[in-house]
Amino acid sequence: MTAPSDAAVLDLADDLMAEGGRGAPPLNGYKNGHDGGGEALDLHALLSALQAMRAGDFSVRMPSHLDGMAGRVADAFNDIVSANERMAEQLEHVGQVVGRDGKTKTRVRFGLSTGAWGDMEESVNTLIDDLLWPTTQVTRTITAVAKGDLLQTMPLDVDGRPLKGEFLRSATIVNTMIKQLSVFTSEVTRVAREVGTDGKLGGQAQVVEVTGVWKDLTDSVNSMASNLTAQVRNIAEVTIAVANGDLTRSIQVEAGGEVAELKDNINTMSGNLRLTTDRNTEQDWLKTNLARFTNSFEVLERIRDDETLADTPVVVFTGRELTPDEDAQLHTMARSVVVKGVESPKRMRVLTATTGLEAVSIVESTPELAIVLMDIMMPGMDGYETLGVIRANPTYRRLPIIALRAKAMKGDQEKCLEAGASDYLAKPVNTKQLRSALRMWLHQ
């Protein structure tokens, strides 16, 4: 038995609804194609069933025991409502399984492959395929990107049909993202290789048409490369200058961490070399010119009159005790004069102070004090203030004081000398440097 179409059933429903209000007579059944005595079809029941189906109730059924034409109409109606019920169940099932559970391979199966039923089933499944295609392609390309493959992109057509609307927009956005990531990765790799491996300084990542976090990442890479370039070039310039004998240069570039430590060490090295060179220059001058003078007072006068040697420490050894006039004359010749007589002791007593106040007290109570090692980082009154207090007393203006400073920073040496120190050493103290300084100031 072939079921009538939906359109025919709906036309019949319209006719029945039109007749229903006028007490339409029951439709007699037919048997074997002829009028017979079968049970009549209840048109009111048929109308109610059709109205229920139209309202979306696919559970309604007509009696299945009718014969003849009435039975055929009931069976056709039941077939149509069953097909609609299965279609509704299939659509709900696919909506749950595909749309919510993520089982994207599930499709509808209406169970009727003829005519519009088959076309409808194919249309729904094609719609599902088309809607899932972007998700499938995005998953494929993003998975490739996660694995480091930046060559995969989303196609802009499906089976020869170009994408349109939101599908095209989504594919274009994903492809643009992959392109920007590829360019960014390529440029960062290039800059890292040039600066870090090839030693080619000054490289910058060139990533055009980027915004947001892409631009921030590019700027960060370029800033890092620029800072590293400036630091390495400044360090190279200063070390080359030192190697060529120019000890006036120092590293000025801003730096942090280990680069800052390297910068401070090089500046300290340069400062120590400059100080040692200046001392050697002064000693060479004395060795060269000492033979030209007739007596020691003439030597001291020349030292006093030469601005470059005015601060040179002078140690005078005498074979006898000096008269008060000779002692006064000696101390007018140079700013730092230490007089060693024949009675000068060979061994010295070491006095220790833990604070600035204790240091001042020891200096004031020990007139025979020969030299002071002053730690700048003392508690309470620090070394700078202690130096000022000691130098404020004219009696101790020529007392040799060697300043010691931990965590040496740029300008520490100049600051110590300006505060009144005779010399400067960075901590931890190099033993050879300390012995050299003590020999120079004490002439041991």
Protein backbone atom coordinates (compact mmCIF):
# COMPACT_ATOMS: atom_id res chain seq x y z
CA MET A 1 0.00 0.00 0.00
CA THR A 2 1.45 3.37 -1.08
CA ALA A 3 1.05 6.26 1.37
CA PRO A 4 -0.37 9.57 0.00
CA SER A 5 1.80 12.64 0.09
CA ASP A 6 1.80 15.20 2.93
CA ALA A 7 0.20 17.74 0.61
CA ALA A 8 -2.70 15.40 -0.15
CA VAL A 9 -3.26 14.71 3.52
CA LEU A 10 -3.20 18.41 4.36
CA ASP A 11 -5.67 19.15 1.54
CA LEU A 12 -7.90 16.44 2.95
CA ALA A 13 -7.57 18.01 6.41
CA ASP A 14 -8.62 21.37 5.03
CA ASP A 15 -11.65 19.81 3.32
CA LEU A 16 -12.60 17.93 6.46
CA MET A 17 -12.24 21.05 8.61
CA ALA A 18 -14.42 22.92 6.12
CA GLU A 19 -17.05 20.19 6.24
CA GLY A 20 -16.67 19.38 9.91
CA GLY A 21 -18.80 22.22 11.06
CA ARG A 22 -21.68 21.21 8.79
CA GLY A 23 -21.99 17.66 10.04
CA ALA A 24 -20.28 15.93 7.15
CA PRO A 25 -21.50 12.35 6.65
CA PRO A 26 -19.16 9.51 7.55
CA LEU A 27 -17.00 8.10 4.82
CA ASN A 28 -18.11 4.57 4.09
CA GLY A 29 -15.42 1.96 3.72
CA TYR A 30 -14.60 0.22 0.44
CA LYS A 31 -13.49 -3.30 0.07
CA ASN A 32 -11.53 -4.69 -2.89
CA GLY A 33 -12.12 -1.46 -4.81
CA HIS A 34 -15.96 -1.67 -4.63
CA ASP A 35 -18.57 -0.29 -2.30
CA GLY A 36 -18.90 -2.68 0.54
CA GLY A 37 -20.21 -2.97 3.99
CA GLY A 38 -17.00 -2.10 5.82
CA GLU A 39 -16.98 0.02 8.93
CA ALA A 40 -17.30 3.75 8.17
CA LEU A 41 -14.34 6.13 8.77
CA ASP A 42 -15.01 8.60 11.56
CA LEU A 43 -14.24 11.95 9.95
CA HIS A 44 -14.28 13.76 13.28
CA ALA A 45 -11.61 11.36 14.61
CA LEU A 46 -9.56 11.89 11.43
CA LEU A 47 -9.88 15.67 11.76
CA SER A 48 -8.72 15.55 15.40
CA ALA A 49 -5.74 13.38 14.46
CA LEU A 50 -4.74 15.69 11.61
CA GLN A 51 -4.98 18.75 13.85
CA ALA A 52 -2.83 17.01 16.50
CA MET A 53 -0.21 16.13 13.91
CA ARG A 54 -0.20 19.69 12.60
CA ALA A 55 0.39 20.89 16.19
CA GLY A 56 3.45 18.61 16.45
CA ASP A 57 1.96 15.63 18.24
CA PHE A 58 3.33 12.67 16.29
CA SER A 59 2.09 10.08 18.77
CA VAL A 60 -1.50 10.23 17.43
CA ARG A 61 -2.72 7.23 15.39
CA MET A 62 -5.87 6.21 13.52
CA PRO A 63 -7.52 2.81 14.20
CA SER A 64 -5.80 0.01 12.32
CA HIS A 65 -8.77 -2.43 12.13
CA LEU A 66 -10.73 -0.58 9.44
CA ASP A 67 -11.33 -2.21 6.07
CA GLY A 68 -11.62 -0.95 2.56
CA MET A 69 -11.03 2.70 1.71
CA ALA A 70 -11.37 3.73 5.38
CA GLY A 71 -8.56 1.30 6.31
CA ARG A 72 -6.35 2.56 3.49
CA VAL A 73 -6.84 6.19 4.61
CA ALA A 74 -6.07 5.27 8.24
CA ASP A 75 -2.95 3.32 7.24
CA ALA A 76 -1.72 6.19 5.03
CA PHE A 77 -2.22 8.65 7.86
CA ASN A 78 -0.43 6.40 10.31
CA ASP A 79 2.50 5.97 7.89
CA ILE A 80 2.84 9.73 7.44
CA VAL A 81 2.68 10.55 11.15
CA SER A 82 5.16 7.70 11.89
CA ALA A 83 7.59 9.10 9.29
CA ASN A 84 7.33 12.57 10.84
CA GLU A 85 7.77 11.10 14.32
CA ARG A 86 10.95 9.30 13.20
CA MET A 87 12.24 12.44 11.50
CA ALA A 88 11.68 14.47 14.70
CA GLU A 89 13.39 11.79 16.79
CA GLN A 90 16.35 11.66 14.39
CA LEU A 91 16.79 15.45 14.36
CA GLU A 92 16.66 15.56 18.16
CA HIS A 93 19.12 12.65 18.39
CA VAL A 94 21.61 14.25 15.99
CA GLY A 95 21.25 17.59 17.76
CA GLN A 96 22.20 15.94 21.05
CA VAL A 97 24.95 13.63 19.78
CA VAL A 98 26.62 15.98 17.28
CA GLY A 99 25.87 19.37 18.75
CA ARG A 100 26.36 18.60 22.44
CA ASP A 101 28.28 15.32 22.75
CA GLY A 102 30.71 16.18 19.95
CA LYS A 103 30.29 12.90 18.05
CA THR A 104 30.59 14.57 14.69
CA LYS A 105 30.28 11.43 12.54
CA THR A 106 26.64 10.76 13.44
CA ARG A 107 23.99 11.51 10.74
CA VAL A 108 20.20 11.30 10.43
CA ARG A 109 18.50 8.13 9.14
CA PHE A 110 14.84 8.73 8.36
CA GLY A 111 14.29 5.20 7.02
CA LEU A 112 12.48 6.50 3.88
CA SER A 113 14.74 7.02 0.90
CA THR A 114 12.12 7.77 -1.74
CA GLY A 115 11.05 11.13 -3.04
CA ALA A 116 11.20 14.17 -0.80
CA TRP A 117 12.00 12.02 2.26
CA GLY A 118 15.32 10.96 0.74
CA ASP A 119 16.01 14.52 -0.43
CA MET A 120 15.27 15.86 3.04
CA GLU A 121 17.57 13.31 4.66
CA GLU A 122 20.39 14.19 2.26
CA SER A 123 19.83 17.94 2.77
CA VAL A 124 19.99 17.65 6.56
CA ASN A 125 23.14 15.51 6.46
CA THR A 126 24.74 17.89 3.94
CA LEU A 127 23.90 20.79 6.26
CA ILE A 128 25.60 18.98 9.15
CA ASP A 129 28.68 18.33 6.99
CA ASP A 130 28.85 21.97 5.93
CA LEU A 131 28.46 23.22 9.49
CA LEU A 132 31.12 20.82 10.81
CA TRP A 133 33.64 21.52 8.03
CA PRO A 134 35.06 24.72 9.59
CA THR A 135 35.45 23.02 12.98
CA THR A 136 37.24 20.07 11.40
CA GLN A 137 39.57 22.30 9.41
CA VAL A 138 40.30 24.63 12.33
CA THR A 139 41.13 21.61 14.49
CA ARG A 140 43.46 20.28 11.80
CA THR A 141 45.34 23.56 11.34
CA ILE A 142 45.54 24.41 15.06
CA THR A 143 46.86 20.91 15.80
CA ALA A 144 49.55 21.44 13.16
CA VAL A 145 50.46 24.83 14.69
CA ALA A 146 50.68 23.25 18.16
CA LYS A 147 53.20 20.76 16.71
CA GLY A 148 55.26 23.57 15.16
CA ASP A 149 53.99 23.14 11.60
CA LEU A 150 53.16 26.65 10.36
CA LEU A 151 52.68 25.57 6.74
CA GLN A 152 49.14 24.24 7.20
CA THR A 153 46.25 26.60 6.36
CA MET A 154 42.49 26.35 5.94
CA PRO A 155 41.28 25.87 2.34
CA LEU A 156 38.97 28.59 1.04
CA ASP A 157 36.75 26.19 -0.90
CA VAL A 158 34.91 22.91 -0.32
CA ASP A 159 34.76 20.41 -3.18
CA GLY A 160 35.37 23.22 -5.65
CA ARG A 161 32.76 25.52 -4.08
CA PRO A 162 34.26 28.77 -2.70
CA LEU A 163 33.50 29.57 0.92
CA LYS A 164 31.09 32.39 1.62
CA GLY A 165 29.85 34.44 4.55
CA GLU A 166 30.98 33.51 8.05
CA PHE A 167 32.74 30.39 6.75
CA LEU A 168 35.02 32.52 4.58
CA ARG A 169 35.54 35.03 7.39
CA SER A 170 36.55 32.32 9.90
CA ALA A 171 38.95 30.66 7.45
CA THR A 172 40.55 34.02 6.59
CA ILE A 173 41.05 34.88 10.29
CA VAL A 174 42.72 31.53 11.02
CA ASN A 175 45.00 31.81 7.97
CA THR A 176 45.96 35.38 8.91
CA MET A 177 46.83 34.24 12.44
CA ILE A 178 49.03 31.43 11.12
CA LYS A 179 50.74 33.80 8.68
CA GLN A 180 51.50 36.34 11.42
CA LEU A 181 52.81 33.63 13.71
CA SER A 182 54.99 32.28 10.90
CA VAL A 183 56.44 35.72 10.13
CA PHE A 184 56.97 36.48 13.82
CA THR A 185 58.71 33.15 14.43
CA SER A 186 60.91 33.60 11.38
CA GLU A 187 61.98 37.11 12.39
CA VAL A 188 62.64 36.23 16.02
CA THR A 189 64.71 33.24 14.93
CA ARG A 190 66.67 35.44 12.52
CA VAL A 191 67.42 38.10 15.15
CA ALA A 192 68.39 35.48 17.75
CA ARG A 193 70.73 33.79 15.27
CA GLU A 194 72.32 37.06 14.11
CA VAL A 195 72.85 38.49 17.60
CA GLY A 196 73.40 35.34 19.64
CA THR A 197 75.21 33.04 17.20
CA ASP A 198 76.66 35.10 14.36
CA GLY A 199 77.61 38.07 16.57
CA LYS A 200 75.92 40.49 14.18
CA LEU A 201 74.69 43.26 16.45
CA GLY A 202 71.95 45.76 15.71
CA GLY A 203 69.44 43.30 14.21
CA GLN A 204 65.73 44.07 14.57
CA ALA A 205 62.65 41.91 13.91
CA GLN A 206 60.55 43.31 11.04
CA VAL A 207 56.93 42.18 11.48
CA VAL A 208 54.51 44.47 9.66
CA GLU A 209 50.77 44.87 10.11
CA VAL A 210 50.68 43.39 13.61
CA THR A 211 48.70 44.66 16.57
CA GLY A 212 47.98 43.74 20.17
CA VAL A 213 50.11 41.02 21.74
CA TRP A 214 51.91 40.34 18.44
CA LYS A 215 53.19 43.92 18.40
CA ASP A 216 54.10 43.72 22.11
CA LEU A 217 56.10 40.54 21.52
CA THR A 218 57.89 42.09 18.53
CA ASP A 219 58.72 45.25 20.50
CA SER A 220 60.03 43.16 23.41
CA VAL A 221 62.34 41.15 21.16
CA ASN A 222 63.62 44.32 19.47
CA SER A 223 64.15 46.04 22.82
CA MET A 224 66.12 43.06 24.11
CA ALA A 225 68.28 42.98 20.96
CA SER A 226 68.82 46.75 21.10
CA ASN A 227 69.85 46.71 24.78
CA LEU A 228 72.20 43.79 24.25
CA THR A 229 73.74 45.52 21.24
CA ALA A 230 74.32 48.76 23.19
CA GLN A 231 75.81 46.91 26.16
CA VAL A 232 78.18 44.73 24.13
CA ARG A 233 79.31 47.63 21.95
CA ASN A 234 79.98 49.91 24.95
CA ILE A 235 81.89 47.15 26.76
CA ALA A 236 83.89 46.45 23.59
CA GLU A 237 84.72 50.15 23.11
CA VAL A 238 86.00 50.52 26.67
CA THR A 239 88.04 47.30 26.69
CA ILE A 240 89.62 48.23 23.34
CA ALA A 241 90.43 51.68 24.71
CA VAL A 242 92.05 50.14 27.81
CA ALA A 243 94.03 47.73 25.63
CA ASN A 244 95.26 50.72 23.61
CA GLY A 245 96.35 52.56 26.77
CA ASP A 246 93.36 54.91 27.13
CA LEU A 247 92.34 54.55 30.78
CA THR A 248 89.95 57.51 30.81
CA ARG A 249 87.01 55.58 29.40
CA SER A 250 84.32 53.85 31.45
CA ILE A 251 81.16 51.87 30.62
CA GLN A 252 78.11 54.12 30.90
CA VAL A 253 75.35 51.99 29.35
CA GLU A 254 72.45 50.91 31.59
CA ALA A 255 72.62 47.24 32.55
CA GLY A 256 71.28 44.77 35.07
CA GLY A 257 72.13 41.38 36.52
CA GLU A 258 75.33 39.72 35.36
CA VAL A 259 75.90 42.34 32.69
CA ALA A 260 75.85 45.01 35.42
CA GLU A 261 78.43 43.00 37.39
CA LEU A 262 80.62 42.74 34.30
CA LYS A 263 80.26 46.48 33.73
CA ASP A 264 81.25 47.29 37.34
CA ASN A 265 84.22 44.90 37.24
CA ILE A 266 85.56 46.42 34.03
CA ASN A 267 85.12 49.96 35.35
CA THR A 268 86.86 48.99 38.61
CA MET A 269 89.68 47.36 36.66
CA SER A 270 90.08 50.45 34.51
CA GLY A 271 90.08 52.69 37.58
CA ASN A 272 92.71 50.58 39.34
CA LEU A 273 94.86 50.50 36.21
CA ARG A 274 94.55 54.29 35.92
CA LEU A 275 95.53 54.76 39.57
CA THR A 276 98.48 52.39 39.25
CA THR A 277 99.60 54.11 36.07
CA ASP A 278 99.41 57.52 37.73
CA ARG A 279 101.52 56.27 40.61
CA ASN A 280 104.09 54.77 38.27
CA THR A 281 104.17 58.01 36.32
CA GLU A 282 104.87 59.95 39.50
CA GLN A 283 107.60 57.53 40.54
CA ASP A 284 109.15 57.63 37.05
CA TRP A 285 109.18 61.43 37.26
CA LEU A 286 110.98 61.28 40.58
CA LYS A 287 113.52 58.74 39.30
CA THR A 288 114.18 60.84 36.21
CA ASN A 289 114.50 64.20 37.95
CA LEU A 290 115.94 63.27 41.33
CA ALA A 291 119.52 63.39 40.10
CA ARG A 292 119.05 66.99 38.92
CA PHE A 293 118.49 68.36 42.41
CA THR A 294 121.24 69.41 44.79
CA ASN A 295 119.38 68.57 48.02
CA SER A 296 116.14 67.09 49.35
CA PHE A 297 114.50 70.44 50.00
CA GLU A 298 114.84 71.32 46.31
CA VAL A 299 113.11 68.06 45.41
CA LEU A 300 110.24 68.85 47.78
CA GLU A 301 109.94 72.36 46.40
CA ARG A 302 109.61 71.05 42.85
CA ILE A 303 106.96 68.55 43.98
CA ARG A 304 105.05 71.31 45.76
CA ASP A 305 105.14 73.63 42.73
CA ASP A 306 104.04 70.94 40.23
CA GLU A 307 100.20 70.69 40.27
CA THR A 308 100.30 67.13 38.98
CA LEU A 309 102.56 66.04 41.87
CA ALA A 310 101.25 68.21 44.69
CA ASP A 311 99.34 65.30 46.22
CA THR A 312 102.20 62.81 45.88
CA PRO A 313 102.98 61.13 49.21
CA VAL A 314 106.54 61.78 50.35
CA VAL A 315 108.51 59.68 52.83
CA VAL A 316 111.66 61.35 54.20
CA PHE A 317 114.32 59.25 55.91
CA THR A 318 116.71 61.12 58.17
CA GLY A 319 119.89 60.00 59.82
CA ARG A 320 119.32 62.31 62.78
CA GLU A 321 116.56 63.99 64.66
CA LEU A 322 115.19 67.05 62.83
CA THR A 323 115.07 70.45 64.43
CA PRO A 324 111.65 72.10 64.82
CA ASP A 325 112.50 74.51 61.98
CA GLU A 326 113.48 71.65 59.67
CA ASP A 327 110.35 69.72 60.52
CA ALA A 328 108.17 72.78 59.84
CA GLN A 329 109.96 73.44 56.56
CA LEU A 330 109.48 69.84 55.45
CA HIS A 331 105.74 69.98 56.02
CA THR A 332 105.38 73.07 53.87
CA MET A 333 106.92 71.31 50.89
CA ALA A 334 104.22 68.72 50.18
CA ARG A 335 100.73 67.83 51.38
CA SER A 336 101.68 64.32 52.50
CA VAL A 337 105.02 63.96 54.31
CA VAL A 338 105.96 61.05 56.54
CA VAL A 339 109.26 61.48 58.36
CA LYS A 340 111.20 58.33 59.22
CA GLY A 341 114.17 58.77 61.49
CA VAL A 342 116.87 56.36 62.55
CA GLU A 343 114.76 55.44 65.53
CA SER A 344 111.70 54.46 63.49
CA PRO A 345 110.39 51.06 64.58
CA LYS A 346 110.64 48.12 62.24
CA ARG A 347 107.35 46.54 63.46
CA MET A 348 104.05 48.33 63.96
CA ARG A 349 101.23 47.83 66.43
CA VAL A 350 97.76 47.33 64.92
CA LEU A 351 94.78 49.05 66.56
CA THR A 352 91.20 48.10 65.67
CA ALA A 353 88.01 50.16 65.74
CA THR A 354 84.54 48.84 64.91
CA THR A 355 82.75 52.19 64.58
CA GLY A 356 83.52 55.63 63.28
CA LEU A 357 83.54 57.14 66.78
CA GLU A 358 86.05 54.52 67.95
CA ALA A 359 88.27 55.29 64.94
CA VAL A 360 88.30 59.02 65.71
CA SER A 361 89.08 58.28 69.36
CA ILE A 362 92.03 56.01 68.44
CA VAL A 363 93.45 58.58 65.98
CA GLU A 364 93.24 61.37 68.56
CA SER A 365 94.78 59.25 71.33
CA THR A 366 97.62 57.78 69.24
CA PRO A 367 99.96 60.53 68.00
CA GLU A 368 102.46 57.96 66.65
CA LEU A 369 99.82 56.47 64.32
CA ALA A 370 101.48 55.78 60.93
CA ILE A 371 98.54 54.79 58.68
CA VAL A 372 94.78 54.10 58.79
CA LEU A 373 92.74 51.51 56.89
CA MET A 374 89.21 52.93 56.85
CA ASP A 375 86.17 50.76 56.02
CA ILE A 376 83.56 53.06 54.45
CA MET A 377 80.64 50.80 55.45
CA MET A 378 80.89 51.26 59.23
CA PRO A 379 77.81 51.32 61.47
CA GLY A 380 76.64 54.60 62.91
CA MET A 381 79.06 57.20 61.59
CA ASP A 382 80.18 55.84 58.23
CA GLY A 383 83.62 56.15 56.68
CA TYR A 384 82.86 59.34 54.75
CA GLU A 385 81.77 61.19 57.88
CA THR A 386 84.68 59.74 59.88
CA LEU A 387 87.15 60.96 57.26
CA GLY A 388 85.64 64.44 57.49
CA VAL A 389 86.01 64.53 61.27
CA ILE A 390 89.63 63.37 61.15
CA ARG A 391 90.66 65.74 58.35
CA ALA A 392 88.95 68.64 60.11
CA ASN A 393 91.79 68.53 62.64
CA PRO A 394 94.90 70.12 61.03
CA THR A 395 97.08 67.69 63.01
CA TYR A 396 95.83 64.78 60.92
CA ARG A 397 95.66 66.40 57.48
CA ARG A 398 98.71 64.41 56.32
CA LEU A 399 97.90 61.13 58.07
CA PRO A 400 97.76 58.43 55.33
CA ILE A 401 94.23 56.97 55.24
CA ILE A 402 93.39 54.16 52.79
CA ALA A 403 89.63 53.83 52.21
CA LEU A 404 88.14 50.33 51.76
CA ARG A 405 84.75 49.88 50.07
CA ALA A 406 82.70 46.73 49.44
CA LYS A 407 80.29 46.51 46.49
CA ALA A 408 82.26 49.13 44.65
CA MET A 409 80.17 51.33 42.38
CA LYS A 410 81.06 53.88 39.76
CA GLY A 411 82.40 57.07 41.37
CA ASP A 412 83.23 55.45 44.75
CA GLN A 413 86.94 56.09 44.36
CA GLU A 414 86.47 59.77 43.54
CA LYS A 415 83.99 60.16 46.41
CA CYS A 416 86.42 58.62 48.89
CA LEU A 417 89.31 60.81 47.77
CA GLU A 418 87.13 63.91 47.94
CA ALA A 419 86.09 62.97 51.49
CA GLY A 420 89.75 62.99 52.54
CA ALA A 421 91.13 59.53 51.85
CA SER A 422 94.72 59.30 50.67
CA ASP A 423 94.09 56.11 48.69
CA TYR A 424 91.29 53.70 47.80
CA LEU A 425 90.97 49.90 47.54
CA ALA A 426 87.89 47.86 46.61
CA LYS A 427 86.82 44.91 48.78
CA PRO A 428 87.48 42.04 48.84
CA VAL A 429 90.98 43.47 49.18
CA ASN A 430 93.65 42.08 46.88
CA THR A 431 96.64 41.24 49.10
CA LYS A 432 99.20 42.37 46.54
CA GLN A 433 97.42 45.68 46.05
CA LEU A 434 97.24 46.21 49.81
CA ARG A 435 100.97 45.48 50.27
CA SER A 436 101.81 47.81 47.41
CA ALA A 437 99.74 50.60 48.93
CA LEU A 438 101.25 50.08 52.39
CA ARG A 439 104.79 50.05 50.95
CA MET A 440 104.11 53.26 49.11
CA TRP A 441 102.63 55.11 52.06
CA LEU A 442 104.94 53.68 54.71
CA HIS A 443 107.96 53.03 52.49
CA GLN A 444 108.60 49.77 54.32
